[in-house]
């Protein structure tokens, strides 16, 4: 509640008896001392609801960004889900060729799945904020892009991920789902896998969300007629991948991991990263581009998220 509105609306009125003036002054004093009910996170979430569009990641301010050392506050009624379709713009992600020779890019599939998931969650009464809603990266600077325009620089990748993290924190989200597709030098590699970070204060919730996402996606693909390989749920600190160029000694996925003082502000809510299918496998690349399969995955995400939120106290 805005104290300035209280003061201007309830200020002393001419002609009132002294006793009433004294009582009125006491009421004003009491009201002005009551702490605000909603913090910056709730205000940011309400702005997204009012406009129907998420605030751009670059728009987060110190006033609307929560302390990243603590989990995001849970709204009393409205649940907020942050969907992060991986990559976008000049950052195409991985890619692969379908059985009929069509080239499929990760950035396109992740966006399609995220938009379908958002539609279903909103129909269920959940507020959804997305890191992007088109093939553009909000807040991208010229120096973030490689000289040939193909991909982002190492610093550009880090800045883009930081913008997404700040955007998620400012939204007051109850959870974060980062959507990706896999790739491997061996085209025979297939399946679905989900990652969480065991080093965060809310790692138990993240693990439970990861287990739900993994189970529902595998079941959804199998119900669609594809015998998906269940590769399992992993603590992402087990990844044996080289660090991101500018953070070579950081054994975490940036979207899920802890802070790096002076370099990285972390996400402030339970979060997971799901690798839906392998685009390097022609069969799975063919499936990934099919609207019917994208619908199945979106429904699986929705079912998993609703099950997770149902177990979380308001």
C-alpha atoms as a PDB file:
ATOM      1  CA  UNK A   1       0.000   0.000   0.000  1.00  0.00           C
ATOM      2  CA  UNK A   2       1.349   3.436  -0.952  1.00  0.00           C
ATOM      3  CA  UNK A   3       1.766   5.588   2.177  1.00  0.00           C
ATOM      4  CA  UNK A   4       1.484   8.774   0.118  1.00  0.00           C
ATOM      5  CA  UNK A   5      -2.006   7.714  -0.967  1.00  0.00           C
ATOM      6  CA  UNK A   6      -2.996   7.043   2.626  1.00  0.00           C
ATOM      7  CA  UNK A   7      -1.811  10.486   3.710  1.00  0.00           C
ATOM      8  CA  UNK A   8      -3.522  12.388   0.896  1.00  0.00           C
ATOM      9  CA  UNK A   9      -6.771  10.463   1.159  1.00  0.00           C
ATOM     10  CA  UNK A  10      -7.145  10.480   4.949  1.00  0.00           C
ATOM     11  CA  UNK A  11      -5.655  13.881   5.848  1.00  0.00           C
ATOM     12  CA  UNK A  12      -7.503  16.089   8.394  1.00  0.00           C
ATOM     13  CA  UNK A  13     -10.754  17.583   7.164  1.00  0.00           C
ATOM     14  CA  UNK A  14     -11.878  21.146   7.956  1.00  0.00           C
ATOM     15  CA  UNK A  15     -14.617  21.414  10.557  1.00  0.00           C
ATOM     16  CA  UNK A  16     -14.080  18.112  12.389  1.00  0.00           C
ATOM     17  CA  UNK A  17     -14.122  18.231  16.221  1.00  0.00           C
ATOM     18  CA  UNK A  18     -10.712  18.040  17.960  1.00  0.00           C
ATOM     19  CA  UNK A  19     -11.479  14.588  19.428  1.00  0.00           C
ATOM     20  CA  UNK A  20     -12.161  13.131  15.990  1.00  0.00           C
ATOM     21  CA  UNK A  21      -9.043  14.813  14.622  1.00  0.00           C
ATOM     22  CA  UNK A  22      -6.975  13.145  17.335  1.00  0.00           C
ATOM     23  CA  UNK A  23      -8.514   9.735  16.637  1.00  0.00           C
ATOM     24  CA  UNK A  24      -7.964  10.197  12.914  1.00  0.00           C
ATOM     25  CA  UNK A  25      -4.309  11.101  13.443  1.00  0.00           C
ATOM     26  CA  UNK A  26      -3.880   7.946  15.535  1.00  0.00           C
ATOM     27  CA  UNK A  27      -5.377   5.796  12.760  1.00  0.00           C
ATOM     28  CA  UNK A  28      -3.042   7.377  10.196  1.00  0.00           C
ATOM     29  CA  UNK A  29      -0.051   6.692  12.423  1.00  0.00           C
ATOM     30  CA  UNK A  30      -1.006   3.028  12.890  1.00  0.00           C
ATOM     31  CA  UNK A  31      -1.669   2.440   9.198  1.00  0.00           C
ATOM     32  CA  UNK A  32       1.557   4.098   8.131  1.00  0.00           C
ATOM     33  CA  UNK A  33       3.517   1.741  10.398  1.00  0.00           C
ATOM     34  CA  UNK A  34       2.032  -1.418   8.909  1.00  0.00           C
ATOM     35  CA  UNK A  35       4.615  -3.065   6.591  1.00  0.00           C
ATOM     36  CA  UNK A  36       3.818  -3.523   2.922  1.00  0.00           C
ATOM     37  CA  UNK A  37       2.144  -6.815   2.198  1.00  0.00           C
ATOM     38  CA  UNK A  38       3.691  -7.284  -1.218  1.00  0.00           C
ATOM     39  CA  UNK A  39       7.329  -6.859  -2.170  1.00  0.00           C
ATOM     40  CA  UNK A  40       8.902  -6.088  -5.522  1.00  0.00           C
ATOM     41  CA  UNK A  41       8.441  -9.663  -6.759  1.00  0.00           C
ATOM     42  CA  UNK A  42       4.682  -9.485  -6.455  1.00  0.00           C
ATOM     43  CA  UNK A  43       4.609  -6.095  -8.166  1.00  0.00           C
ATOM     44  CA  UNK A  44       6.603  -7.441 -11.090  1.00  0.00           C
ATOM     45  CA  UNK A  45       4.289 -10.431 -11.376  1.00  0.00           C
ATOM     46  CA  UNK A  46       1.237  -8.162 -11.326  1.00  0.00           C
ATOM     47  CA  UNK A  47       2.727  -6.027 -14.120  1.00  0.00           C
ATOM     48  CA  UNK A  48       3.157  -9.135 -16.249  1.00  0.00           C
ATOM     49  CA  UNK A  49      -0.448 -10.141 -15.582  1.00  0.00           C
ATOM     50  CA  UNK A  50      -1.797  -6.708 -16.443  1.00  0.00           C
ATOM     51  CA  UNK A  51       0.023  -6.457 -19.758  1.00  0.00           C
ATOM     52  CA  UNK A  52      -0.228 -10.091 -20.767  1.00  0.00           C
ATOM     53  CA  UNK A  53       3.462  -9.911 -21.687  1.00  0.00           C
ATOM     54  CA  UNK A  54       6.532 -10.595 -19.536  1.00  0.00           C
ATOM     55  CA  UNK A  55       8.769  -7.671 -18.685  1.00  0.00           C
ATOM     56  CA  UNK A  56      11.969  -7.917 -20.759  1.00  0.00           C
ATOM     57  CA  UNK A  57      14.875  -9.610 -18.964  1.00  0.00           C
ATOM     58  CA  UNK A  58      16.961  -6.454 -19.228  1.00  0.00           C
ATOM     59  CA  UNK A  59      14.285  -4.458 -17.370  1.00  0.00           C
ATOM     60  CA  UNK A  60      14.908  -5.997 -13.935  1.00  0.00           C
ATOM     61  CA  UNK A  61      15.942  -3.431 -11.340  1.00  0.00           C
ATOM     62  CA  UNK A  62      17.370  -3.610  -7.848  1.00  0.00           C
ATOM     63  CA  UNK A  63      13.891  -2.774  -6.557  1.00  0.00           C
ATOM     64  CA  UNK A  64      12.214  -5.742  -8.261  1.00  0.00           C
ATOM     65  CA  UNK A  65      15.016  -8.306  -7.981  1.00  0.00           C
ATOM     66  CA  UNK A  66      14.964 -10.372  -4.766  1.00  0.00           C
ATOM     67  CA  UNK A  67      18.016 -11.298  -2.744  1.00  0.00           C
ATOM     68  CA  UNK A  68      19.417 -14.144  -4.879  1.00  0.00           C
ATOM     69  CA  UNK A  69      20.743 -15.881  -1.784  1.00  0.00           C
ATOM     70  CA  UNK A  70      17.185 -16.762  -0.753  1.00  0.00           C
ATOM     71  CA  UNK A  71      14.420 -18.662  -2.597  1.00  0.00           C
ATOM     72  CA  UNK A  72      11.836 -16.453  -4.276  1.00  0.00           C
ATOM     73  CA  UNK A  73       8.818 -15.636  -2.150  1.00  0.00           C
ATOM     74  CA  UNK A  74       5.757 -17.782  -2.828  1.00  0.00           C
ATOM     75  CA  UNK A  75       2.712 -15.659  -3.735  1.00  0.00           C
ATOM     76  CA  UNK A  76      -0.230 -16.192  -1.392  1.00  0.00           C
ATOM     77  CA  UNK A  77      -2.604 -17.235  -4.190  1.00  0.00           C
ATOM     78  CA  UNK A  78      -1.341 -16.882  -7.733  1.00  0.00           C
ATOM     79  CA  UNK A  79       1.342 -19.388  -8.688  1.00  0.00           C
ATOM     80  CA  UNK A  80       4.008 -18.167 -11.095  1.00  0.00           C
ATOM     81  CA  UNK A  81       5.977 -20.430 -13.426  1.00  0.00           C
ATOM     82  CA  UNK A  82       9.027 -19.261 -15.351  1.00  0.00           C
ATOM     83  CA  UNK A  83       9.559 -21.059 -18.668  1.00  0.00           C
ATOM     84  CA  UNK A  84      12.920 -20.704 -20.357  1.00  0.00           C
ATOM     85  CA  UNK A  85      12.991 -21.876 -23.990  1.00  0.00           C
ATOM     86  CA  UNK A  86      16.715 -22.350 -24.494  1.00  0.00           C
ATOM     87  CA  UNK A  87      18.777 -20.335 -26.987  1.00  0.00           C
ATOM     88  CA  UNK A  88      17.229 -17.960 -29.561  1.00  0.00           C
ATOM     89  CA  UNK A  89      18.259 -15.360 -32.126  1.00  0.00           C
ATOM     90  CA  UNK A  90      21.846 -15.880 -33.285  1.00  0.00           C
ATOM     91  CA  UNK A  91      22.243 -18.611 -30.657  1.00  0.00           C
ATOM     92  CA  UNK A  92      20.659 -21.548 -32.484  1.00  0.00           C
ATOM     93  CA  UNK A  93      21.654 -24.233 -29.990  1.00  0.00           C
ATOM     94  CA  UNK A  94      22.176 -27.735 -31.289  1.00  0.00           C
ATOM     95  CA  UNK A  95      20.628 -29.019 -34.489  1.00  0.00           C
ATOM     96  CA  UNK A  96      19.994 -32.156 -36.466  1.00  0.00           C
ATOM     97  CA  UNK A  97      18.602 -33.672 -39.626  1.00  0.00           C
ATOM     98  CA  UNK A  98      15.271 -35.476 -39.694  1.00  0.00           C
ATOM     99  CA  UNK A  99      14.627 -38.759 -41.489  1.00  0.00           C
ATOM    100  CA  UNK A 100      13.503 -36.829 -44.575  1.00  0.00           C
ATOM    101  CA  UNK A 101      16.553 -34.542 -44.548  1.00  0.00           C
ATOM    102  CA  UNK A 102      15.005 -31.455 -42.920  1.00  0.00           C
ATOM    103  CA  UNK A 103      17.312 -29.446 -40.667  1.00  0.00           C
ATOM    104  CA  UNK A 104      15.856 -28.773 -37.196  1.00  0.00           C
ATOM    105  CA  UNK A 105      17.226 -26.125 -34.821  1.00  0.00           C
ATOM    106  CA  UNK A 106      16.987 -26.385 -31.067  1.00  0.00           C
ATOM    107  CA  UNK A 107      15.936 -22.751 -30.596  1.00  0.00           C
ATOM    108  CA  UNK A 108      12.812 -23.266 -32.730  1.00  0.00           C
ATOM    109  CA  UNK A 109      11.656 -26.433 -30.985  1.00  0.00           C
ATOM    110  CA  UNK A 110      12.197 -25.106 -27.463  1.00  0.00           C
ATOM    111  CA  UNK A 111      10.148 -21.995 -28.232  1.00  0.00           C
ATOM    112  CA  UNK A 112       7.298 -23.995 -29.765  1.00  0.00           C
ATOM    113  CA  UNK A 113       7.135 -26.293 -26.737  1.00  0.00           C
ATOM    114  CA  UNK A 114       7.339 -23.386 -24.265  1.00  0.00           C
ATOM    115  CA  UNK A 115       4.489 -21.479 -25.920  1.00  0.00           C
ATOM    116  CA  UNK A 116       2.284 -24.586 -25.935  1.00  0.00           C
ATOM    117  CA  UNK A 117       3.117 -25.227 -22.283  1.00  0.00           C
ATOM    118  CA  UNK A 118       2.342 -21.631 -21.330  1.00  0.00           C
ATOM    119  CA  UNK A 119      -1.071 -21.865 -22.975  1.00  0.00           C
ATOM    120  CA  UNK A 120      -1.962 -24.963 -20.969  1.00  0.00           C
ATOM    121  CA  UNK A 121      -0.695 -23.617 -17.668  1.00  0.00           C
ATOM    122  CA  UNK A 122      -2.585 -20.349 -18.094  1.00  0.00           C
ATOM    123  CA  UNK A 123      -5.746 -22.318 -18.828  1.00  0.00           C
ATOM    124  CA  UNK A 124      -5.184 -24.007 -15.455  1.00  0.00           C
ATOM    125  CA  UNK A 125      -4.972 -20.631 -13.686  1.00  0.00           C
ATOM    126  CA  UNK A 126      -1.188 -20.419 -13.447  1.00  0.00           C
ATOM    127  CA  UNK A 127       0.641 -17.199 -14.252  1.00  0.00           C
ATOM    128  CA  UNK A 128       3.426 -17.842 -16.763  1.00  0.00           C
ATOM    129  CA  UNK A 129       6.441 -15.695 -17.589  1.00  0.00           C
ATOM    130  CA  UNK A 130       8.749 -16.655 -20.463  1.00  0.00           C
ATOM    131  CA  UNK A 131      12.378 -15.715 -21.044  1.00  0.00           C
ATOM    132  CA  UNK A 132      11.474 -15.080 -24.695  1.00  0.00           C
ATOM    133  CA  UNK A 133       8.337 -15.267 -26.819  1.00  0.00           C
ATOM    134  CA  UNK A 134       9.929 -15.014 -30.266  1.00  0.00           C
ATOM    135  CA  UNK A 135      13.175 -15.765 -32.067  1.00  0.00           C
ATOM    136  CA  UNK A 136      14.844 -12.788 -30.433  1.00  0.00           C
ATOM    137  CA  UNK A 137      16.990 -12.408 -27.337  1.00  0.00           C
ATOM    138  CA  UNK A 138      15.824  -9.375 -25.325  1.00  0.00           C
ATOM    139  CA  UNK A 139      18.597  -7.011 -24.337  1.00  0.00           C
ATOM    140  CA  UNK A 140      21.188  -8.469 -26.691  1.00  0.00           C
ATOM    141  CA  UNK A 141      24.081  -6.094 -27.380  1.00  0.00           C
ATOM    142  CA  UNK A 142      26.206  -6.043 -30.575  1.00  0.00           C
ATOM    143  CA  UNK A 143      29.289  -7.145 -28.639  1.00  0.00           C
ATOM    144  CA  UNK A 144      27.433 -10.258 -27.448  1.00  0.00           C
ATOM    145  CA  UNK A 145      27.352 -11.699 -30.983  1.00  0.00           C
ATOM    146  CA  UNK A 146      30.209 -13.391 -32.828  1.00  0.00           C
ATOM    147  CA  UNK A 147      31.749 -11.251 -35.621  1.00  0.00           C
ATOM    148  CA  UNK A 148      30.231 -13.500 -38.306  1.00  0.00           C
ATOM    149  CA  UNK A 149      26.787 -13.240 -36.677  1.00  0.00           C
ATOM    150  CA  UNK A 150      26.696 -16.980 -35.974  1.00  0.00           C
ATOM    151  CA  UNK A 151      26.283 -17.566 -32.261  1.00  0.00           C
ATOM    152  CA  UNK A 152      27.173 -15.622 -29.137  1.00  0.00           C
ATOM    153  CA  UNK A 153      30.540 -14.869 -27.624  1.00  0.00           C
ATOM    154  CA  UNK A 154      31.363 -16.527 -24.297  1.00  0.00           C
ATOM    155  CA  UNK A 155      30.623 -13.255 -22.520  1.00  0.00           C
ATOM    156  CA  UNK A 156      27.471 -12.899 -24.603  1.00  0.00           C
ATOM    157  CA  UNK A 157      26.244 -16.309 -23.461  1.00  0.00           C
ATOM    158  CA  UNK A 158      26.861 -15.401 -19.838  1.00  0.00           C
ATOM    159  CA  UNK A 159      25.113 -12.032 -20.185  1.00  0.00           C
ATOM    160  CA  UNK A 160      22.140 -13.658 -21.886  1.00  0.00           C
ATOM    161  CA  UNK A 161      21.818 -16.275 -19.146  1.00  0.00           C
ATOM    162  CA  UNK A 162      22.168 -13.594 -16.471  1.00  0.00           C
ATOM    163  CA  UNK A 163      19.334 -11.614 -18.080  1.00  0.00           C
ATOM    164  CA  UNK A 164      17.141 -14.716 -17.978  1.00  0.00           C
ATOM    165  CA  UNK A 165      18.014 -15.370 -14.337  1.00  0.00           C
ATOM    166  CA  UNK A 166      17.308 -11.765 -13.327  1.00  0.00           C
ATOM    167  CA  UNK A 167      14.013 -11.898 -15.232  1.00  0.00           C
ATOM    168  CA  UNK A 168      13.003 -15.112 -13.453  1.00  0.00           C
ATOM    169  CA  UNK A 169      13.873 -13.647 -10.053  1.00  0.00           C
ATOM    170  CA  UNK A 170      11.953 -10.437 -10.745  1.00  0.00           C
ATOM    171  CA  UNK A 171       8.872 -12.429 -11.762  1.00  0.00           C
ATOM    172  CA  UNK A 172       8.587 -13.975  -8.289  1.00  0.00           C
ATOM    173  CA  UNK A 173       8.319 -17.419  -9.892  1.00  0.00           C
ATOM    174  CA  UNK A 174       7.675 -20.497  -7.777  1.00  0.00           C
ATOM    175  CA  UNK A 175       9.748 -22.597 -10.147  1.00  0.00           C
ATOM    176  CA  UNK A 176      11.933 -22.420 -13.230  1.00  0.00           C
ATOM    177  CA  UNK A 177      11.887 -24.864 -16.148  1.00  0.00           C
ATOM    178  CA  UNK A 178      14.619 -24.504 -18.761  1.00  0.00           C
ATOM    179  CA  UNK A 179      13.725 -26.361 -21.961  1.00  0.00           C
ATOM    180  CA  UNK A 180      16.452 -27.806 -24.182  1.00  0.00           C
ATOM    181  CA  UNK A 181      17.185 -30.531 -26.719  1.00  0.00           C
ATOM    182  CA  UNK A 182      20.252 -32.718 -26.676  1.00  0.00           C
ATOM    183  CA  UNK A 183      23.011 -33.406 -29.151  1.00  0.00           C
ATOM    184  CA  UNK A 184      25.851 -35.931 -29.347  1.00  0.00           C
ATOM    185  CA  UNK A 185      28.609 -36.967 -31.716  1.00  0.00           C
ATOM    186  CA  UNK A 186      27.047 -40.440 -31.737  1.00  0.00           C
ATOM    187  CA  UNK A 187      23.764 -40.239 -33.696  1.00  0.00           C
ATOM    188  CA  UNK A 188      22.583 -43.411 -31.954  1.00  0.00           C
ATOM    189  CA  UNK A 189      22.260 -41.552 -28.641  1.00  0.00           C
ATOM    190  CA  UNK A 190      18.591 -41.065 -27.703  1.00  0.00           C
ATOM    191  CA  UNK A 191      16.342 -40.357 -24.769  1.00  0.00           C
ATOM    192  CA  UNK A 192      15.177 -37.847 -22.193  1.00  0.00           C
ATOM    193  CA  UNK A 193      17.091 -36.571 -19.172  1.00  0.00           C
ATOM    194  CA  UNK A 194      16.569 -33.894 -16.526  1.00  0.00           C
ATOM    195  CA  UNK A 195      19.032 -31.949 -14.380  1.00  0.00           C
ATOM    196  CA  UNK A 196      18.873 -30.110 -11.068  1.00  0.00           C
ATOM    197  CA  UNK A 197      21.533 -28.606  -8.779  1.00  0.00           C
ATOM    198  CA  UNK A 198      22.125 -30.264  -5.401  1.00  0.00           C
ATOM    199  CA  UNK A 199      24.090 -27.330  -3.975  1.00  0.00           C
ATOM    200  CA  UNK A 200      21.196 -24.871  -3.715  1.00  0.00           C
ATOM    201  CA  UNK A 201      19.126 -24.281  -0.534  1.00  0.00           C
ATOM    202  CA  UNK A 202      16.010 -25.567  -2.328  1.00  0.00           C
ATOM    203  CA  UNK A 203      17.678 -28.628  -3.886  1.00  0.00           C
ATOM    204  CA  UNK A 204      15.103 -31.059  -2.443  1.00  0.00           C
ATOM    205  CA  UNK A 205      12.306 -29.223  -4.244  1.00  0.00           C
ATOM    206  CA  UNK A 206      14.361 -29.047  -7.426  1.00  0.00           C
ATOM    207  CA  UNK A 207      15.013 -32.777  -7.311  1.00  0.00           C
ATOM    208  CA  UNK A 208      11.321 -33.523  -6.813  1.00  0.00           C
ATOM    209  CA  UNK A 209      10.424 -31.251  -9.732  1.00  0.00           C
ATOM    210  CA  UNK A 210      13.082 -32.941 -11.880  1.00  0.00           C
ATOM    211  CA  UNK A 211      11.667 -36.373 -11.066  1.00  0.00           C
ATOM    212  CA  UNK A 212       8.150 -35.253 -11.990  1.00  0.00           C
ATOM    213  CA  UNK A 213       9.266 -33.633 -15.256  1.00  0.00           C
ATOM    214  CA  UNK A 214      11.293 -36.701 -16.224  1.00  0.00           C
ATOM    215  CA  UNK A 215       8.500 -39.159 -15.461  1.00  0.00           C
ATOM    216  CA  UNK A 216       5.754 -37.222 -17.213  1.00  0.00           C
ATOM    217  CA  UNK A 217       7.808 -36.504 -20.353  1.00  0.00           C
ATOM    218  CA  UNK A 218       8.863 -40.143 -20.751  1.00  0.00           C
ATOM    219  CA  UNK A 219       5.295 -41.331 -20.150  1.00  0.00           C
ATOM    220  CA  UNK A 220       3.918 -38.761 -22.589  1.00  0.00           C
ATOM    221  CA  UNK A 221       6.282 -39.798 -25.371  1.00  0.00           C
ATOM    222  CA  UNK A 222       5.498 -43.466 -24.798  1.00  0.00           C
ATOM    223  CA  UNK A 223       1.772 -42.776 -24.857  1.00  0.00           C
ATOM    224  CA  UNK A 224       2.354 -41.027 -28.189  1.00  0.00           C
ATOM    225  CA  UNK A 225       3.797 -44.265 -29.552  1.00  0.00           C
ATOM    226  CA  UNK A 226       7.511 -43.587 -29.142  1.00  0.00           C
ATOM    227  CA  UNK A 227       9.419 -45.850 -26.749  1.00  0.00           C
ATOM    228  CA  UNK A 228      11.548 -43.085 -25.269  1.00  0.00           C
ATOM    229  CA  UNK A 229      14.685 -44.016 -23.375  1.00  0.00           C
ATOM    230  CA  UNK A 230      14.484 -42.849 -19.762  1.00  0.00           C
ATOM    231  CA  UNK A 231      18.002 -41.547 -19.188  1.00  0.00           C
ATOM    232  CA  UNK A 232      17.080 -40.421 -15.686  1.00  0.00           C
ATOM    233  CA  UNK A 233      17.449 -37.472 -13.336  1.00  0.00           C
ATOM    234  CA  UNK A 234      20.911 -36.130 -12.602  1.00  0.00           C
ATOM    235  CA  UNK A 235      22.530 -33.735 -10.215  1.00  0.00           C
ATOM    236  CA  UNK A 236      24.022 -31.355 -12.775  1.00  0.00           C
ATOM    237  CA  UNK A 237      27.246 -31.118 -10.762  1.00  0.00           C
ATOM    238  CA  UNK A 238      27.902 -34.620 -12.146  1.00  0.00           C
ATOM    239  CA  UNK A 239      28.188 -33.223 -15.668  1.00  0.00           C
ATOM    240  CA  UNK A 240      31.610 -33.884 -17.154  1.00  0.00           C
ATOM    241  CA  UNK A 241      31.469 -30.925 -19.491  1.00  0.00           C
ATOM    242  CA  UNK A 242      33.978 -28.090 -19.869  1.00  0.00           C
ATOM    243  CA  UNK A 243      33.052 -24.890 -18.071  1.00  0.00           C
ATOM    244  CA  UNK A 244      31.548 -21.968 -19.924  1.00  0.00           C
ATOM    245  CA  UNK A 245      34.484 -19.990 -21.363  1.00  0.00           C
ATOM    246  CA  UNK A 246      34.250 -17.094 -18.903  1.00  0.00           C
ATOM    247  CA  UNK A 247      33.572 -19.426 -15.947  1.00  0.00           C
ATOM    248  CA  UNK A 248      36.012 -22.303 -16.576  1.00  0.00           C
ATOM    249  CA  UNK A 249      36.015 -23.532 -12.968  1.00  0.00           C
ATOM    250  CA  UNK A 250      32.252 -23.451 -12.495  1.00  0.00           C
ATOM    251  CA  UNK A 251      30.904 -27.063 -12.454  1.00  0.00           C
ATOM    252  CA  UNK A 252      27.271 -26.013 -12.719  1.00  0.00           C
ATOM    253  CA  UNK A 253      24.637 -25.148 -15.288  1.00  0.00           C
ATOM    254  CA  UNK A 254      24.483 -21.357 -15.110  1.00  0.00           C
ATOM    255  CA  UNK A 255      20.668 -21.168 -14.961  1.00  0.00           C
ATOM    256  CA  UNK A 256      20.565 -23.489 -11.939  1.00  0.00           C
ATOM    257  CA  UNK A 257      23.858 -23.019 -10.126  1.00  0.00           C
ATOM    258  CA  UNK A 258      25.034 -20.912  -7.175  1.00  0.00           C
ATOM    259  CA  UNK A 259      26.475 -17.419  -7.210  1.00  0.00           C
ATOM    260  CA  UNK A 260      29.913 -16.441  -8.407  1.00  0.00           C
ATOM    261  CA  UNK A 261      30.776 -13.220  -6.536  1.00  0.00           C
ATOM    262  CA  UNK A 262      31.172 -10.384  -8.982  1.00  0.00           C
ATOM    263  CA  UNK A 263      30.292 -12.576 -11.964  1.00  0.00           C
ATOM    264  CA  UNK A 264      26.953 -14.335 -11.520  1.00  0.00           C
ATOM    265  CA  UNK A 265      23.743 -13.673  -9.592  1.00  0.00           C
ATOM    266  CA  UNK A 266      21.929 -17.005  -9.192  1.00  0.00           C
ATOM    267  CA  UNK A 267      18.330 -18.031  -9.762  1.00  0.00           C
ATOM    268  CA  UNK A 268      16.286 -17.805  -6.574  1.00  0.00           C
ATOM    269  CA  UNK A 269      13.757 -20.620  -6.932  1.00  0.00           C
ATOM    270  CA  UNK A 270      13.628 -24.396  -7.466  1.00  0.00           C
ATOM    271  CA  UNK A 271      14.628 -25.110 -11.044  1.00  0.00           C
ATOM    272  CA  UNK A 272      15.407 -27.859 -13.515  1.00  0.00           C
ATOM    273  CA  UNK A 273      16.709 -28.235 -17.046  1.00  0.00           C
ATOM    274  CA  UNK A 274      15.079 -30.849 -19.266  1.00  0.00           C
ATOM    275  CA  UNK A 275      16.743 -32.270 -22.375  1.00  0.00           C
ATOM    276  CA  UNK A 276      13.697 -33.558 -24.216  1.00  0.00           C
ATOM    277  CA  UNK A 277      15.173 -35.508 -27.141  1.00  0.00           C
ATOM    278  CA  UNK A 278      18.389 -35.786 -29.175  1.00  0.00           C
ATOM    279  CA  UNK A 279      18.335 -33.697 -32.337  1.00  0.00           C
ATOM    280  CA  UNK A 280      21.505 -35.516 -33.396  1.00  0.00           C
ATOM    281  CA  UNK A 281      19.364 -38.645 -33.811  1.00  0.00           C
ATOM    282  CA  UNK A 282      17.292 -38.504 -37.040  1.00  0.00           C
ATOM    283  CA  UNK A 283      14.308 -40.308 -35.510  1.00  0.00           C
ATOM    284  CA  UNK A 284      14.145 -38.011 -32.498  1.00  0.00           C
ATOM    285  CA  UNK A 285      14.783 -34.928 -34.637  1.00  0.00           C
ATOM    286  CA  UNK A 286      11.777 -35.973 -36.730  1.00  0.00           C
ATOM    287  CA  UNK A 287       9.660 -36.346 -33.607  1.00  0.00           C
ATOM    288  CA  UNK A 288      10.790 -33.042 -32.098  1.00  0.00           C
ATOM    289  CA  UNK A 289       9.486 -30.988 -35.021  1.00  0.00           C
ATOM    290  CA  UNK A 290       6.041 -32.624 -35.053  1.00  0.00           C
ATOM    291  CA  UNK A 291       3.276 -30.452 -33.520  1.00  0.00           C
ATOM    292  CA  UNK A 292       1.631 -33.549 -32.039  1.00  0.00           C
ATOM    293  CA  UNK A 293       4.790 -34.469 -30.149  1.00  0.00           C
ATOM    294  CA  UNK A 294       5.316 -30.878 -29.045  1.00  0.00           C
ATOM    295  CA  UNK A 295       1.765 -30.955 -27.675  1.00  0.00           C
ATOM    296  CA  UNK A 296       2.523 -34.170 -25.789  1.00  0.00           C
ATOM    297  CA  UNK A 297       5.622 -32.671 -24.235  1.00  0.00           C
ATOM    298  CA  UNK A 298       3.769 -29.469 -23.321  1.00  0.00           C
ATOM    299  CA  UNK A 299       1.035 -31.498 -21.634  1.00  0.00           C
ATOM    300  CA  UNK A 300       3.662 -33.545 -19.794  1.00  0.00           C
ATOM    301  CA  UNK A 301       5.299 -30.371 -18.508  1.00  0.00           C
ATOM    302  CA  UNK A 302       1.915 -29.006 -17.462  1.00  0.00           C
ATOM    303  CA  UNK A 303       0.958 -32.178 -15.589  1.00  0.00           C
ATOM    304  CA  UNK A 304       4.320 -32.303 -13.815  1.00  0.00           C
ATOM    305  CA  UNK A 305       4.220 -28.635 -12.821  1.00  0.00           C
ATOM    306  CA  UNK A 306       0.647 -28.808 -11.534  1.00  0.00           C
ATOM    307  CA  UNK A 307       1.507 -31.900  -9.500  1.00  0.00           C
ATOM    308  CA  UNK A 308       4.534 -30.114  -8.061  1.00  0.00           C
ATOM    309  CA  UNK A 309       2.592 -26.967  -7.175  1.00  0.00           C
ATOM    310  CA  UNK A 310      -0.245 -28.967  -5.616  1.00  0.00           C
ATOM    311  CA  UNK A 311       2.201 -30.257  -3.013  1.00  0.00           C
ATOM    312  CA  UNK A 312       3.598 -26.793  -2.243  1.00  0.00           C
ATOM    313  CA  UNK A 313       1.847 -24.783   0.468  1.00  0.00           C
ATOM    314  CA  UNK A 314       0.431 -21.454  -0.689  1.00  0.00           C
END
